[in-house]
Amino acid sequence: MAVPYPTQLPPAVHPQTVDIAGSAWPTYKLEAVAAGVVTCLILALITGSPQIAVLAAAAVAALRWIVALVTR
């Protein structure tokens, strides 16, 4: 069975990326990291507990990352 190869491929959809040290990072990953860092710093100042701050910041970053993957 012969399958013809398309002569024109549809344009690939590339997420917006930022070049960091020669690697292309999608912007949603950088947004997740930034949200995690900001959350960690704010909660560390408010609660005084680094454990709570780190766990909550990890949850915020993971949630942002997953939401971006699902909505893409």
N, C-alpha and C. Protein backbone atom coordinates (compact mmCIF):
# COMPACT_ATOMS: atom_id res chain seq x y z
N MET A 1 0.84 -1.16 0.00
CA MET A 1 0.00 0.00 0.00
C MET A 1 0.90 1.24 0.00
N ALA A 2 0.67 2.12 -0.93
CA ALA A 2 1.48 3.33 -1.05
C ALA A 2 0.75 4.50 -0.40
N VAL A 3 1.50 5.26 0.37
CA VAL A 3 0.94 6.44 1.02
C VAL A 3 1.71 7.64 0.50
N PRO A 4 1.02 8.59 -0.12
CA PRO A 4 1.74 9.75 -0.64
C PRO A 4 2.25 10.64 0.50
N TYR A 5 3.43 11.14 0.33
CA TYR A 5 4.00 12.05 1.32
C TYR A 5 3.55 13.47 0.98
N PRO A 6 3.00 14.19 1.92
CA PRO A 6 2.53 15.55 1.59
C PRO A 6 3.69 16.45 1.21
N THR A 7 3.47 17.24 0.19
CA THR A 7 4.55 18.12 -0.27
C THR A 7 4.69 19.35 0.62
N GLN A 8 3.59 19.75 1.23
CA GLN A 8 3.65 20.89 2.14
C GLN A 8 3.12 20.45 3.50
N LEU A 9 3.94 20.62 4.50
CA LEU A 9 3.53 20.29 5.85
C LEU A 9 2.92 21.54 6.50
N PRO A 10 1.93 21.36 7.34
CA PRO A 10 1.38 22.53 8.03
C PRO A 10 2.43 23.13 8.95
N PRO A 11 2.36 24.43 9.17
CA PRO A 11 3.36 25.05 10.04
C PRO A 11 3.25 24.51 11.46
N ALA A 12 4.40 24.23 12.03
CA ALA A 12 4.44 23.70 13.39
C ALA A 12 4.13 24.82 14.38
N VAL A 13 3.40 24.47 15.39
CA VAL A 13 3.07 25.44 16.44
C VAL A 13 4.10 25.30 17.54
N HIS A 14 4.91 26.32 17.71
CA HIS A 14 5.94 26.31 18.74
C HIS A 14 5.52 27.26 19.85
N PRO A 15 5.59 26.80 21.09
CA PRO A 15 5.29 27.73 22.17
C PRO A 15 6.36 28.81 22.24
N GLN A 16 6.00 29.93 22.80
CA GLN A 16 6.98 30.99 22.94
C GLN A 16 8.08 30.52 23.87
N THR A 17 9.31 30.76 23.47
CA THR A 17 10.45 30.29 24.25
C THR A 17 11.38 31.46 24.56
N VAL A 18 12.20 31.23 25.57
CA VAL A 18 13.24 32.17 25.96
C VAL A 18 14.56 31.39 25.95
N ASP A 19 15.57 31.97 25.32
CA ASP A 19 16.86 31.31 25.23
C ASP A 19 17.66 31.56 26.50
N ILE A 20 17.96 30.49 27.24
CA ILE A 20 18.76 30.58 28.45
C ILE A 20 19.95 29.64 28.30
N ALA A 21 21.12 30.20 28.20
CA ALA A 21 22.37 29.44 28.08
C ALA A 21 22.31 28.44 26.92
N GLY A 22 21.72 28.86 25.82
CA GLY A 22 21.68 28.01 24.64
C GLY A 22 20.54 27.01 24.61
N SER A 23 19.69 27.03 25.62
CA SER A 23 18.54 26.12 25.65
C SER A 23 17.26 26.94 25.57
N ALA A 24 16.32 26.45 24.77
CA ALA A 24 15.04 27.14 24.63
C ALA A 24 14.10 26.67 25.74
N TRP A 25 13.71 27.59 26.60
CA TRP A 25 12.78 27.30 27.70
C TRP A 25 11.42 27.87 27.35
N PRO A 26 10.36 27.06 27.40
CA PRO A 26 9.02 27.63 27.22
C PRO A 26 8.72 28.63 28.34
N THR A 27 7.98 29.66 27.99
CA THR A 27 7.72 30.71 28.97
C THR A 27 6.92 30.21 30.17
N TYR A 28 6.07 29.21 29.96
CA TYR A 28 5.28 28.73 31.11
C TYR A 28 6.16 28.10 32.17
N LYS A 29 7.29 27.53 31.79
CA LYS A 29 8.20 26.97 32.79
C LYS A 29 8.85 28.08 33.61
N LEU A 30 9.24 29.15 32.94
CA LEU A 30 9.83 30.28 33.66
C LEU A 30 8.80 30.95 34.56
N GLU A 31 7.54 31.03 34.10
CA GLU A 31 6.50 31.59 34.94
C GLU A 31 6.27 30.73 36.18
N ALA A 32 6.34 29.41 36.02
CA ALA A 32 6.16 28.51 37.16
C ALA A 32 7.29 28.68 38.17
N VAL A 33 8.51 28.80 37.68
CA VAL A 33 9.66 28.99 38.58
C VAL A 33 9.54 30.33 39.31
N ALA A 34 9.18 31.37 38.58
CA ALA A 34 9.04 32.69 39.21
C ALA A 34 7.92 32.68 40.25
N ALA A 35 6.80 32.06 39.94
CA ALA A 35 5.70 31.99 40.89
C ALA A 35 6.11 31.23 42.15
N GLY A 36 6.88 30.16 41.98
CA GLY A 36 7.36 29.39 43.12
C GLY A 36 8.31 30.18 43.99
N VAL A 37 9.21 30.91 43.38
CA VAL A 37 10.18 31.70 44.16
C VAL A 37 9.48 32.82 44.92
N VAL A 38 8.58 33.51 44.25
CA VAL A 38 7.86 34.61 44.92
C VAL A 38 7.01 34.06 46.07
N THR A 39 6.32 32.97 45.83
CA THR A 39 5.51 32.36 46.89
C THR A 39 6.38 31.93 48.07
N CYS A 40 7.52 31.34 47.78
CA CYS A 40 8.41 30.89 48.84
C CYS A 40 8.89 32.07 49.70
N LEU A 41 9.31 33.14 49.05
CA LEU A 41 9.81 34.29 49.79
C LEU A 41 8.72 34.95 50.63
N ILE A 42 7.54 35.11 50.04
CA ILE A 42 6.45 35.76 50.78
C ILE A 42 6.03 34.91 51.98
N LEU A 43 5.86 33.61 51.77
CA LEU A 43 5.44 32.75 52.88
C LEU A 43 6.53 32.61 53.94
N ALA A 44 7.77 32.63 53.54
CA ALA A 44 8.85 32.55 54.52
C ALA A 44 8.84 33.79 55.42
N LEU A 45 8.54 34.94 54.83
CA LEU A 45 8.47 36.16 55.64
C LEU A 45 7.23 36.18 56.52
N ILE A 46 6.12 35.69 56.00
CA ILE A 46 4.87 35.75 56.77
C ILE A 46 4.85 34.70 57.89
N THR A 47 5.16 33.45 57.54
CA THR A 47 5.03 32.37 58.52
C THR A 47 6.29 32.15 59.34
N GLY A 48 7.45 32.46 58.78
CA GLY A 48 8.70 32.19 59.47
C GLY A 48 9.10 30.72 59.43
N SER A 49 8.36 29.93 58.69
CA SER A 49 8.64 28.50 58.60
C SER A 49 9.09 28.15 57.18
N PRO A 50 10.37 27.80 57.02
CA PRO A 50 10.85 27.46 55.68
C PRO A 50 10.19 26.19 55.12
N GLN A 51 9.81 25.28 56.00
CA GLN A 51 9.18 24.04 55.52
C GLN A 51 7.86 24.33 54.83
N ILE A 52 7.03 25.11 55.46
CA ILE A 52 5.73 25.46 54.89
C ILE A 52 5.91 26.27 53.61
N ALA A 53 6.85 27.19 53.63
CA ALA A 53 7.09 28.04 52.47
C ALA A 53 7.53 27.22 51.26
N VAL A 54 8.44 26.29 51.46
CA VAL A 54 8.95 25.48 50.35
C VAL A 54 7.87 24.55 49.82
N LEU A 55 7.11 23.92 50.70
CA LEU A 55 6.05 23.00 50.24
C LEU A 55 4.96 23.75 49.49
N ALA A 56 4.55 24.89 49.98
CA ALA A 56 3.52 25.67 49.30
C ALA A 56 4.03 26.21 47.96
N ALA A 57 5.28 26.66 47.94
CA ALA A 57 5.86 27.17 46.69
C ALA A 57 5.97 26.07 45.65
N ALA A 58 6.34 24.88 46.06
CA ALA A 58 6.40 23.75 45.12
C ALA A 58 5.02 23.42 44.57
N ALA A 59 4.01 23.51 45.42
CA ALA A 59 2.64 23.25 44.96
C ALA A 59 2.18 24.31 43.96
N VAL A 60 2.49 25.57 44.23
CA VAL A 60 2.11 26.65 43.32
C VAL A 60 2.81 26.49 41.97
N ALA A 61 4.11 26.20 42.00
CA ALA A 61 4.86 26.04 40.75
C ALA A 61 4.35 24.84 39.96
N ALA A 62 4.09 23.73 40.62
CA ALA A 62 3.59 22.55 39.93
C ALA A 62 2.20 22.79 39.35
N LEU A 63 1.36 23.50 40.07
CA LEU A 63 0.02 23.81 39.58
C LEU A 63 0.09 24.69 38.34
N ARG A 64 0.95 25.71 38.37
CA ARG A 64 1.11 26.59 37.20
C ARG A 64 1.60 25.81 35.99
N TRP A 65 2.54 24.92 36.20
CA TRP A 65 3.12 24.12 35.13
C TRP A 65 2.05 23.21 34.53
N ILE A 66 1.26 22.55 35.36
CA ILE A 66 0.24 21.62 34.88
C ILE A 66 -0.87 22.36 34.15
N VAL A 67 -1.29 23.50 34.67
CA VAL A 67 -2.33 24.29 34.01
C VAL A 67 -1.88 24.71 32.62
N ALA A 68 -0.63 25.11 32.49
CA ALA A 68 -0.11 25.52 31.18
C ALA A 68 -0.05 24.34 30.21
N LEU A 69 0.31 23.17 30.70
CA LEU A 69 0.36 22.00 29.82
C LEU A 69 -1.03 21.58 29.36
N VAL A 70 -2.00 21.68 30.24
CA VAL A 70 -3.36 21.26 29.90
C VAL A 70 -4.01 22.22 28.93
N THR A 71 -3.77 23.51 29.10
CA THR A 71 -4.41 24.52 28.25
C THR A 71 -3.71 24.75 26.93
N ARG A 72 -2.57 24.16 26.71
CA ARG A 72 -1.86 24.33 25.44
C ARG A 72 -2.59 23.68 24.32
